[in-house]
Amino acid sequence: MPVRRPRHFYVPVRAKFALVLVVALLWTVLSVVLSMRWLHDLSQPLGLALALLVIAFIAYVPGFMNAFLIGSILADRRPPRRALAAYPDICVLVACYNEGNNIAETLASFARQDYAGDVEVVVIDDGSTDDSLVIAQAAARIHTRPGLQIRVLAQPRNGGKSKALNRGLRETARELVITVDGDCCLRADALRKLVGRYLSDPPNTVAVAGAVLVANSRENLLTRAQEWDYFHGIAAVKRVQSMYHGTLVAQGAFSLYTRTALNQAGGWPECVGEDIVLSWALLKTGARIGYCEDACLFTKVPPTLRQFSRQRQRWSRGLMEAFARHGGLLLKPRMSTLFIWWNLLFLPLDLIYTLAFIPGLVLALFGVYWIAGPMTLLVLPLAMIWNLVIFRVQAMMFRREGLKVRRNFTGFLFYSLAYTMILQPVCVLGYAKEALGLRKTWGTK
């Protein structure tokens, strides 16, 4: 007689979503109850309405978000990849602007891929003013071989990342299109795992975001902190969003798209947040965007405060562009709609943190605890639990990949205690520039 294998208990994703949502809401209710004394004290100088607004975006909303993320990560079970007899041919678009120090390493990483199908890499130099074009052409000649074709296109002048990618799209024909930035280096199995995840995901999947990690974390304290931001924050949020069938950003640095979906969306839109605006256009059709946590690519993050500020302002402006073009997603009945509302709350969150919480910390140094005081500590346990849970999940993925989590305690301290004091004011500056219609540029260099 055949041996009967035990069946694993299966909880549908919608049931997980509902359960985690209820738990997060209950935590928020508890937070409200515990904050009554804080609300009373802060109402004396600010009035009830303003005090409630400040506390809501310092404690209630972040507490709900952390509780929802913790519950979702604990409930997440990555679906296994299907065994594939053959891998489809793919094309990779590499938009490049002034990457003379990086583009050769990026192209060398394609030569190390273990992908079983044919790979066509198209570098689009977007009018670089350095030697990027010459270096890319030389690297293309070195690394082109059977199964890997690398060619370089030159834009006559700098026109922005969208134009560069759209030209690459026009000059290729394969159905699966992957984008990689010109300052990145792929792990040897990155393409295989990204394509394998796409082919194993639900049939309405039209894009899959890869895992972007930090390559230059050893440069200074700022890059050390960004290592934790990418490892903890960005990766975890994408993982949760994909669990509910709606990763909000298939980032340009490393993502897979179907050509059919790209053509239906009209390619990459001309804006500074082309990846988020494109992703929301795809979600608007009802399609699914996934995430592949173990298809790893390493990127060089901005090492200076000026470059970091320019990058994060661009991301903030991209978010506002996405709402301007696809704000109707707020009313779309699907699980991922929660994260659209979540993103809408980023503006008041950043504003309150910048204009209220940071000044409140200064007041606390002088013994005035209206905004930042003993009651504020109620937010910390959940944040600590969140960091511990996602560290465990990410560390397990690293071990499976043969990677080690680097010892970076000083970066973690800075990330935990001071990083948001830089990040959120910078985001507010980006919102202000977008609201004022100031000039936009691509890049951070």
Protein backbone atom coordinates (compact mmCIF):
# COMPACT_ATOMS: atom_id res chain seq x y z
CA MET A 1 0.00 0.00 0.00
CA PRO A 2 1.27 3.51 -0.80
CA VAL A 3 2.40 5.57 2.19
CA ARG A 4 0.12 8.53 2.80
CA ARG A 5 2.05 11.72 3.45
CA PRO A 6 0.67 14.14 6.03
CA ARG A 7 -0.99 17.17 4.51
CA HIS A 8 0.23 20.54 5.65
CA PHE A 9 -2.43 22.81 7.04
CA TYR A 10 -3.02 25.55 4.46
CA VAL A 11 -4.27 29.01 5.35
CA PRO A 12 -5.40 31.03 2.32
CA VAL A 13 -3.63 34.33 1.78
CA ARG A 14 -6.86 36.30 2.18
CA ALA A 15 -7.46 34.65 5.56
CA LYS A 16 -3.90 35.54 6.64
CA PHE A 17 -4.47 39.12 5.51
CA ALA A 18 -7.70 39.40 7.51
CA LEU A 19 -6.19 37.84 10.63
CA VAL A 20 -3.06 40.00 10.59
CA LEU A 21 -5.16 43.11 9.92
CA VAL A 22 -7.36 42.38 12.95
CA VAL A 23 -4.31 41.86 15.18
CA ALA A 24 -2.73 45.13 13.98
CA LEU A 25 -5.98 47.01 14.61
CA LEU A 26 -6.25 45.55 18.12
CA TRP A 27 -2.70 46.67 18.84
CA THR A 28 -3.62 50.16 17.63
CA VAL A 29 -6.66 50.22 19.94
CA LEU A 30 -4.42 49.22 22.85
CA SER A 31 -1.99 52.00 21.92
CA VAL A 32 -4.82 54.53 21.96
CA VAL A 33 -5.94 53.38 25.41
CA LEU A 34 -2.42 53.52 26.83
CA SER A 35 -1.79 56.99 25.38
CA MET A 36 -4.70 58.75 27.08
CA ARG A 37 -2.44 60.40 29.67
CA TRP A 38 -0.03 61.51 26.96
CA LEU A 39 -2.92 62.90 24.91
CA HIS A 40 -4.23 64.81 27.93
CA ASP A 41 -0.84 66.36 28.71
CA LEU A 42 -0.10 67.32 25.10
CA SER A 43 -3.58 68.82 24.67
CA GLN A 44 -2.75 71.51 27.22
CA PRO A 45 -0.26 73.40 25.01
CA LEU A 46 -1.50 72.27 21.56
CA GLY A 47 -5.23 71.69 21.86
CA LEU A 48 -6.97 68.34 21.46
CA ALA A 49 -7.12 68.18 17.63
CA LEU A 50 -3.45 69.01 17.05
CA ALA A 51 -2.32 66.79 19.92
CA LEU A 52 -4.31 63.87 18.51
CA LEU A 53 -2.79 64.45 15.06
CA VAL A 54 0.76 64.50 16.44
CA ILE A 55 0.34 61.38 18.58
CA ALA A 56 -1.45 59.52 15.78
CA PHE A 57 1.52 59.90 13.41
CA ILE A 58 4.18 59.41 16.08
CA ALA A 59 2.63 56.34 17.73
CA TYR A 60 -0.68 55.00 16.35
CA VAL A 61 0.11 54.79 12.64
CA PRO A 62 3.72 53.52 13.00
CA GLY A 63 2.48 51.03 15.62
CA PHE A 64 -0.18 49.69 13.26
CA MET A 65 2.36 49.41 10.45
CA ASN A 66 4.90 47.56 12.59
CA ALA A 67 2.26 45.19 13.97
CA PHE A 68 0.96 44.42 10.48
CA LEU A 69 4.47 43.82 9.13
CA ILE A 70 5.42 41.55 12.04
CA GLY A 71 2.28 39.46 11.67
CA SER A 72 2.66 39.21 7.90
CA ILE A 73 6.33 38.19 8.00
CA LEU A 74 5.56 35.50 10.59
CA ALA A 75 2.68 34.21 8.44
CA ASP A 76 4.58 34.33 5.14
CA ARG A 77 5.48 31.06 3.44
CA ARG A 78 7.33 31.52 0.17
CA PRO A 79 5.86 29.25 -2.55
CA PRO A 80 8.45 26.77 -3.87
CA ARG A 81 9.89 27.22 -7.35
CA ARG A 82 8.80 24.75 -10.00
CA ALA A 83 11.48 22.54 -11.48
CA LEU A 84 12.14 23.80 -15.02
CA ALA A 85 13.27 21.64 -17.89
CA ALA A 86 14.44 24.71 -19.82
CA TYR A 87 14.81 28.43 -19.23
CA PRO A 88 13.48 30.99 -21.71
CA ASP A 89 15.74 33.43 -23.54
CA ILE A 90 15.81 36.85 -21.87
CA CYS A 91 17.02 40.36 -22.54
CA VAL A 92 18.54 42.68 -19.93
CA LEU A 93 18.47 46.46 -20.27
CA VAL A 94 21.22 48.42 -18.51
CA ALA A 95 20.64 52.17 -18.46
CA CYS A 96 23.99 53.86 -17.90
CA TYR A 97 24.85 57.48 -17.13
CA ASN A 98 28.35 58.45 -15.93
CA GLU A 99 29.11 54.99 -14.56
CA GLY A 100 32.71 54.80 -15.76
CA ASN A 101 33.83 53.47 -12.37
CA ASN A 102 31.18 50.74 -12.25
CA ILE A 103 29.93 49.59 -15.66
CA ALA A 104 32.80 47.16 -16.35
CA GLU A 105 32.10 45.31 -13.07
CA THR A 106 28.37 45.24 -13.85
CA LEU A 107 28.95 43.61 -17.23
CA ALA A 108 31.50 41.18 -15.77
CA SER A 109 28.80 39.96 -13.38
CA PHE A 110 26.70 38.87 -16.38
CA ALA A 111 29.57 36.69 -17.58
CA ARG A 112 29.44 34.81 -14.24
CA GLN A 113 25.72 33.98 -14.45
CA ASP A 114 24.66 30.33 -14.34
CA TYR A 115 21.53 31.02 -16.39
CA ALA A 116 20.73 28.14 -18.76
CA GLY A 117 19.00 30.15 -21.52
CA ASP A 118 20.35 32.77 -23.90
CA VAL A 119 20.94 36.21 -22.37
CA GLU A 120 21.00 39.40 -24.44
CA VAL A 121 22.39 42.39 -22.52
CA VAL A 122 21.81 45.83 -24.02
CA VAL A 123 23.65 48.76 -22.43
CA ILE A 124 22.10 52.12 -23.24
CA ASP A 125 24.59 54.91 -22.54
CA ASP A 126 22.49 57.99 -21.86
CA GLY A 127 24.88 60.67 -23.10
CA SER A 128 27.49 60.12 -20.39
CA THR A 129 30.10 62.87 -20.00
CA ASP A 130 32.73 60.47 -18.66
CA ASP A 131 34.28 57.36 -20.29
CA SER A 132 31.31 55.07 -19.59
CA LEU A 133 30.61 54.44 -23.29
CA VAL A 134 34.18 53.41 -24.15
CA ILE A 135 34.48 51.18 -21.08
CA ALA A 136 31.13 49.51 -21.78
CA GLN A 137 32.08 48.83 -25.40
CA ALA A 138 35.39 47.28 -24.33
CA ALA A 139 33.70 45.13 -21.67
CA ALA A 140 31.08 44.00 -24.19
CA ARG A 141 33.80 42.70 -26.50
CA ILE A 142 35.51 40.86 -23.64
CA HIS A 143 32.47 39.13 -22.19
CA THR A 144 30.33 38.33 -25.25
CA ARG A 145 30.27 34.56 -25.83
CA PRO A 146 27.83 31.87 -26.93
CA GLY A 147 24.73 32.25 -24.78
CA LEU A 148 25.64 35.81 -23.76
CA GLN A 149 25.46 38.68 -26.21
CA ILE A 150 26.35 42.16 -24.97
CA ARG A 151 25.88 45.23 -27.14
CA VAL A 152 26.07 48.93 -26.40
CA LEU A 153 23.78 51.67 -27.68
CA ALA A 154 24.67 55.35 -27.41
CA GLN A 155 22.04 58.01 -26.86
CA PRO A 156 23.06 61.24 -28.66
CA ARG A 157 22.41 63.29 -25.50
CA ASN A 158 21.29 62.77 -21.94
CA GLY A 159 17.52 62.35 -22.00
CA GLY A 160 16.79 60.55 -18.75
CA LYS A 161 16.48 56.95 -17.67
CA SER A 162 13.02 56.43 -19.16
CA LYS A 163 14.12 57.34 -22.68
CA ALA A 164 17.17 55.11 -22.37
CA LEU A 165 15.14 52.10 -21.24
CA ASN A 166 12.44 52.67 -23.86
CA ARG A 167 15.05 52.72 -26.59
CA GLY A 168 16.43 49.44 -25.30
CA LEU A 169 12.92 48.00 -25.26
CA ARG A 170 12.36 49.00 -28.90
CA GLU A 171 15.62 47.41 -30.02
CA THR A 172 15.00 44.04 -28.39
CA ALA A 173 12.32 41.41 -28.97
CA ARG A 174 12.38 38.81 -26.18
CA GLU A 175 9.29 38.47 -24.00
CA LEU A 176 11.04 38.61 -20.63
CA VAL A 177 12.78 41.92 -19.97
CA ILE A 178 15.03 42.54 -16.98
CA THR A 179 16.42 45.91 -15.92
CA VAL A 180 19.73 46.34 -14.09
CA ASP A 181 21.37 49.63 -13.12
CA GLY A 182 24.88 50.43 -14.34
CA ASP A 183 26.42 50.50 -10.85
CA CYS A 184 25.28 47.04 -9.74
CA CYS A 185 26.76 43.57 -9.49
CA LEU A 186 24.63 40.41 -9.71
CA ARG A 187 25.15 37.23 -7.74
CA ALA A 188 25.94 34.32 -10.06
CA ASP A 189 22.45 32.80 -9.67
CA ALA A 190 20.48 36.07 -9.70
CA LEU A 191 19.01 35.79 -13.21
CA ARG A 192 18.17 32.11 -12.80
CA LYS A 193 16.36 32.67 -9.52
CA LEU A 194 14.52 35.78 -10.69
CA VAL A 195 13.20 34.05 -13.83
CA GLY A 196 12.45 30.89 -11.85
CA ARG A 197 10.38 32.88 -9.38
CA TYR A 198 8.41 34.52 -12.20
CA LEU A 199 7.68 31.16 -13.84
CA SER A 200 6.56 29.68 -10.48
CA ASP A 201 4.34 32.58 -9.41
CA PRO A 202 0.58 32.91 -10.12
CA PRO A 203 -0.30 33.29 -13.82
CA ASN A 204 -1.37 36.94 -13.52
CA THR A 205 2.17 37.97 -12.47
CA VAL A 206 3.60 40.51 -14.94
CA ALA A 207 6.67 41.67 -13.01
CA VAL A 208 8.98 40.45 -10.24
CA ALA A 209 11.31 42.66 -8.19
CA GLY A 210 14.69 41.25 -7.23
CA ALA A 211 16.49 41.74 -3.91
CA VAL A 212 18.75 44.81 -3.91
CA LEU A 213 21.49 44.87 -1.26
CA VAL A 214 24.33 47.28 -0.48
CA ALA A 215 27.80 46.70 -1.94
CA ASN A 216 29.72 49.66 -0.47
CA SER A 217 28.59 49.58 3.16
CA ARG A 218 32.13 49.83 4.48
CA GLU A 219 32.69 53.37 3.15
CA ASN A 220 31.31 55.39 6.06
CA LEU A 221 28.58 55.60 8.69
CA LEU A 222 25.93 56.67 6.17
CA THR A 223 26.50 53.66 3.88
CA ARG A 224 26.61 51.39 6.94
CA ALA A 225 23.15 52.62 7.93
CA GLN A 226 21.84 52.20 4.38
CA GLU A 227 22.97 48.56 4.48
CA TRP A 228 20.41 48.00 7.25
CA ASP A 229 17.78 50.05 5.44
CA TYR A 230 18.03 47.80 2.36
CA PHE A 231 18.49 44.59 4.39
CA HIS A 232 15.70 45.29 6.88
CA GLY A 233 13.24 47.89 5.69
CA ILE A 234 13.06 47.79 1.91
CA ALA A 235 13.42 44.01 1.52
CA ALA A 236 10.89 43.21 4.25
CA VAL A 237 8.22 45.56 2.95
CA LYS A 238 8.54 44.17 -0.58
CA ARG A 239 8.28 40.64 0.78
CA VAL A 240 5.06 41.45 2.65
CA GLN A 241 3.58 43.29 -0.33
CA SER A 242 4.28 40.36 -2.66
CA MET A 243 2.61 38.01 -0.18
CA TYR A 244 -0.57 40.01 -0.77
CA HIS A 245 -0.02 40.03 -4.57
CA GLY A 246 0.97 43.65 -4.98
CA THR A 247 4.63 44.69 -4.63
CA LEU A 248 4.33 48.45 -5.11
CA VAL A 249 7.72 49.07 -6.72
CA ALA A 250 9.46 46.77 -9.18
CA GLN A 251 12.62 48.86 -8.83
CA GLY A 252 14.62 49.78 -11.90
CA ALA A 253 17.83 48.56 -10.28
CA PHE A 254 16.79 44.91 -10.67
CA SER A 255 13.38 43.72 -11.82
CA LEU A 256 11.78 41.45 -14.40
CA TYR A 257 8.83 42.49 -16.60
CA THR A 258 6.91 40.86 -19.41
CA ARG A 259 7.20 42.70 -22.70
CA THR A 260 3.45 42.38 -23.19
CA ALA A 261 2.76 44.26 -19.94
CA LEU A 262 5.41 46.89 -20.74
CA ASN A 263 3.91 47.55 -24.17
CA GLN A 264 0.40 47.76 -22.75
CA ALA A 265 1.62 50.35 -20.23
CA GLY A 266 3.39 52.34 -22.95
CA GLY A 267 6.87 51.54 -21.62
CA TRP A 268 8.59 53.54 -18.92
CA PRO A 269 6.94 56.94 -18.30
CA GLU A 270 9.06 60.07 -18.52
CA CYS A 271 9.38 61.10 -14.88
CA VAL A 272 11.93 60.80 -12.07
CA GLY A 273 10.02 57.93 -10.44
CA GLU A 274 9.66 55.87 -13.60
CA ASP A 275 9.80 52.54 -11.77
CA ILE A 276 7.06 53.25 -9.21
CA VAL A 277 4.82 54.97 -11.79
CA LEU A 278 5.21 51.99 -14.15
CA SER A 279 4.56 49.54 -11.31
CA TRP A 280 1.34 51.30 -10.34
CA ALA A 281 0.25 51.34 -13.99
CA LEU A 282 0.68 47.56 -14.03
CA LEU A 283 -1.20 47.13 -10.74
CA LYS A 284 -3.99 49.30 -12.12
CA THR A 285 -4.74 46.59 -14.70
CA GLY A 286 -5.33 44.08 -11.90
CA ALA A 287 -2.03 42.31 -12.53
CA ARG A 288 0.27 40.95 -9.84
CA ILE A 289 3.85 42.08 -9.08
CA GLY A 290 5.97 39.61 -7.12
CA TYR A 291 9.24 39.70 -5.22
CA CYS A 292 12.17 37.29 -5.28
CA GLU A 293 14.02 37.60 -1.97
CA ASP A 294 16.95 35.37 -2.95
CA ALA A 295 17.73 36.82 -6.40
CA CYS A 296 20.43 39.11 -5.03
CA LEU A 297 22.04 42.11 -6.63
CA PHE A 298 24.48 44.47 -4.92
CA THR A 299 24.32 48.19 -5.61
CA LYS A 300 26.47 51.14 -4.61
CA VAL A 301 24.45 53.46 -2.41
CA PRO A 302 25.15 57.21 -2.09
CA PRO A 303 28.18 57.71 0.19
CA THR A 304 27.67 61.44 0.86
CA LEU A 305 24.80 63.25 2.51
CA ARG A 306 24.29 65.37 -0.62
CA GLN A 307 23.99 62.35 -2.91
CA PHE A 308 21.77 60.51 -0.41
CA SER A 309 19.52 63.57 -0.17
CA ARG A 310 19.18 63.81 -3.95
CA GLN A 311 18.32 60.11 -4.24
CA ARG A 312 15.67 60.09 -1.53
CA GLN A 313 14.15 63.36 -2.74
CA ARG A 314 13.81 61.71 -6.14
CA TRP A 315 12.09 58.71 -4.54
CA SER A 316 9.68 61.03 -2.69
CA ARG A 317 8.89 62.93 -5.86
CA GLY A 318 8.35 59.62 -7.65
CA LEU A 319 5.77 58.64 -5.04
CA MET A 320 3.88 61.89 -5.63
CA GLU A 321 4.06 61.31 -9.39
CA ALA A 322 2.55 57.85 -8.87
CA PHE A 323 -0.37 59.30 -6.90
CA ALA A 324 -0.89 62.05 -9.49
CA ARG A 325 -1.14 59.50 -12.32
CA HIS A 326 -2.65 56.47 -10.61
CA GLY A 327 -4.38 57.75 -7.47
CA GLY A 328 -7.42 55.72 -8.45
CA LEU A 329 -5.65 52.67 -6.98
CA LEU A 330 -6.79 53.96 -3.57
CA LEU A 331 -10.28 52.76 -4.47
CA LYS A 332 -9.33 49.44 -6.10
CA PRO A 333 -10.74 46.50 -4.10
CA ARG A 334 -7.71 44.25 -3.58
CA MET A 335 -5.37 43.39 -0.71
CA SER A 336 -2.53 45.55 -2.03
CA THR A 337 -4.75 48.64 -1.76
CA LEU A 338 -3.80 48.77 1.93
CA PHE A 339 -0.24 49.57 0.89
CA ILE A 340 -1.39 52.34 -1.46
CA TRP A 341 -3.08 53.99 1.54
CA TRP A 342 0.03 53.19 3.55
CA ASN A 343 2.11 55.19 1.05
CA LEU A 344 -0.41 58.04 1.21
CA LEU A 345 0.28 58.27 4.94
CA PHE A 346 4.01 58.73 4.35
CA LEU A 347 3.53 62.46 3.68
CA PRO A 348 1.89 63.28 7.06
CA LEU A 349 4.21 60.80 8.80
CA ASP A 350 7.30 62.54 7.44
CA LEU A 351 5.85 65.99 8.13
CA ILE A 352 4.89 65.23 11.75
CA TYR A 353 8.23 63.53 12.43
CA THR A 354 10.15 66.47 10.97
CA LEU A 355 8.08 69.33 12.36
CA ALA A 356 6.94 67.82 15.67
CA PHE A 357 8.90 64.79 16.85
CA ILE A 358 12.41 66.12 16.17
CA PRO A 359 11.62 69.44 17.91
CA GLY A 360 10.04 67.33 20.68
CA LEU A 361 13.35 65.54 21.20
CA VAL A 362 15.07 68.91 21.56
CA LEU A 363 12.46 69.98 24.14
CA ALA A 364 12.97 66.70 26.02
CA LEU A 365 16.65 67.58 26.47
CA PHE A 366 15.45 70.58 28.49
CA GLY A 367 13.01 68.54 30.57
CA VAL A 368 9.87 69.31 28.53
CA TYR A 369 8.25 65.97 27.66
CA TRP A 370 5.08 67.05 25.85
CA ILE A 371 5.93 65.32 22.56
CA ALA A 372 8.90 63.01 23.25
CA GLY A 373 8.84 61.57 26.73
CA PRO A 374 8.19 58.44 28.80
CA MET A 375 4.98 57.60 26.89
CA THR A 376 6.88 57.67 23.61
CA LEU A 377 8.77 54.61 24.82
CA LEU A 378 5.61 52.56 24.24
CA VAL A 379 6.48 52.59 20.53
CA LEU A 380 9.94 51.08 21.05
CA PRO A 381 9.10 47.45 22.02
CA LEU A 382 7.21 46.83 18.77
CA ALA A 383 9.99 48.41 16.71
CA MET A 384 12.53 46.17 18.48
CA ILE A 385 10.40 43.07 17.85
CA TRP A 386 10.08 44.05 14.19
CA ASN A 387 13.86 44.41 13.84
CA LEU A 388 14.46 41.04 15.51
CA VAL A 389 11.87 39.21 13.38
CA ILE A 390 13.04 40.57 10.04
CA PHE A 391 16.70 40.05 10.99
CA ARG A 392 15.95 36.38 11.65
CA VAL A 393 14.07 35.99 8.36
CA GLN A 394 16.74 37.77 6.32
CA ALA A 395 19.60 35.96 8.08
CA MET A 396 17.98 32.60 7.24
CA MET A 397 17.81 33.61 3.58
CA PHE A 398 21.49 34.67 3.69
CA ARG A 399 22.51 31.31 5.15
CA ARG A 400 20.66 29.46 2.40
CA GLU A 401 22.55 31.58 -0.14
CA GLY A 402 25.92 30.96 1.48
CA LEU A 403 26.14 34.60 2.56
CA LYS A 404 26.98 35.98 5.99
CA VAL A 405 25.36 38.97 7.66
CA ARG A 406 28.28 41.34 8.14
CA ARG A 407 29.01 42.64 11.62
CA ASN A 408 27.84 46.23 11.39
CA PHE A 409 26.81 47.23 14.90
CA THR A 410 27.67 50.92 14.55
CA GLY A 411 25.62 51.11 11.37
CA PHE A 412 22.69 49.43 13.12
CA LEU A 413 22.85 51.87 16.04
CA PHE A 414 22.86 54.82 13.64
CA TYR A 415 20.06 53.24 11.58
CA SER A 416 17.96 52.62 14.70
CA LEU A 417 18.52 55.92 16.50
CA ALA A 418 19.36 58.66 14.01
CA TYR A 419 18.79 57.54 10.41
CA THR A 420 15.18 58.71 10.25
CA MET A 421 16.23 62.15 11.52
CA ILE A 422 18.03 62.56 8.20
CA LEU A 423 15.73 60.52 5.98
CA GLN A 424 12.36 62.04 6.83
CA PRO A 425 13.31 65.73 6.56
CA VAL A 426 14.90 64.89 3.19
CA CYS A 427 11.64 63.26 2.09
CA VAL A 428 9.71 66.36 3.16
CA LEU A 429 12.06 68.45 1.02
CA GLY A 430 11.31 66.17 -1.93
CA TYR A 431 7.55 66.56 -1.42
CA ALA A 432 7.96 70.34 -1.28
CA LYS A 433 9.99 70.43 -4.51
CA GLU A 434 7.40 68.32 -6.30
CA ALA A 435 4.55 70.49 -5.01
CA LEU A 436 6.38 73.60 -6.22
CA GLY A 437 7.12 72.03 -9.61
CA LEU A 438 10.88 72.49 -9.37
CA ARG A 439 13.25 71.01 -11.96
CA LYS A 440 13.80 67.24 -11.87
CA THR A 441 17.00 65.35 -12.69
CA TRP A 442 17.99 61.70 -12.97
CA GLY A 443 20.83 60.38 -10.86
CA THR A 444 22.53 61.14 -7.57
CA LYS A 445 26.11 61.88 -8.62
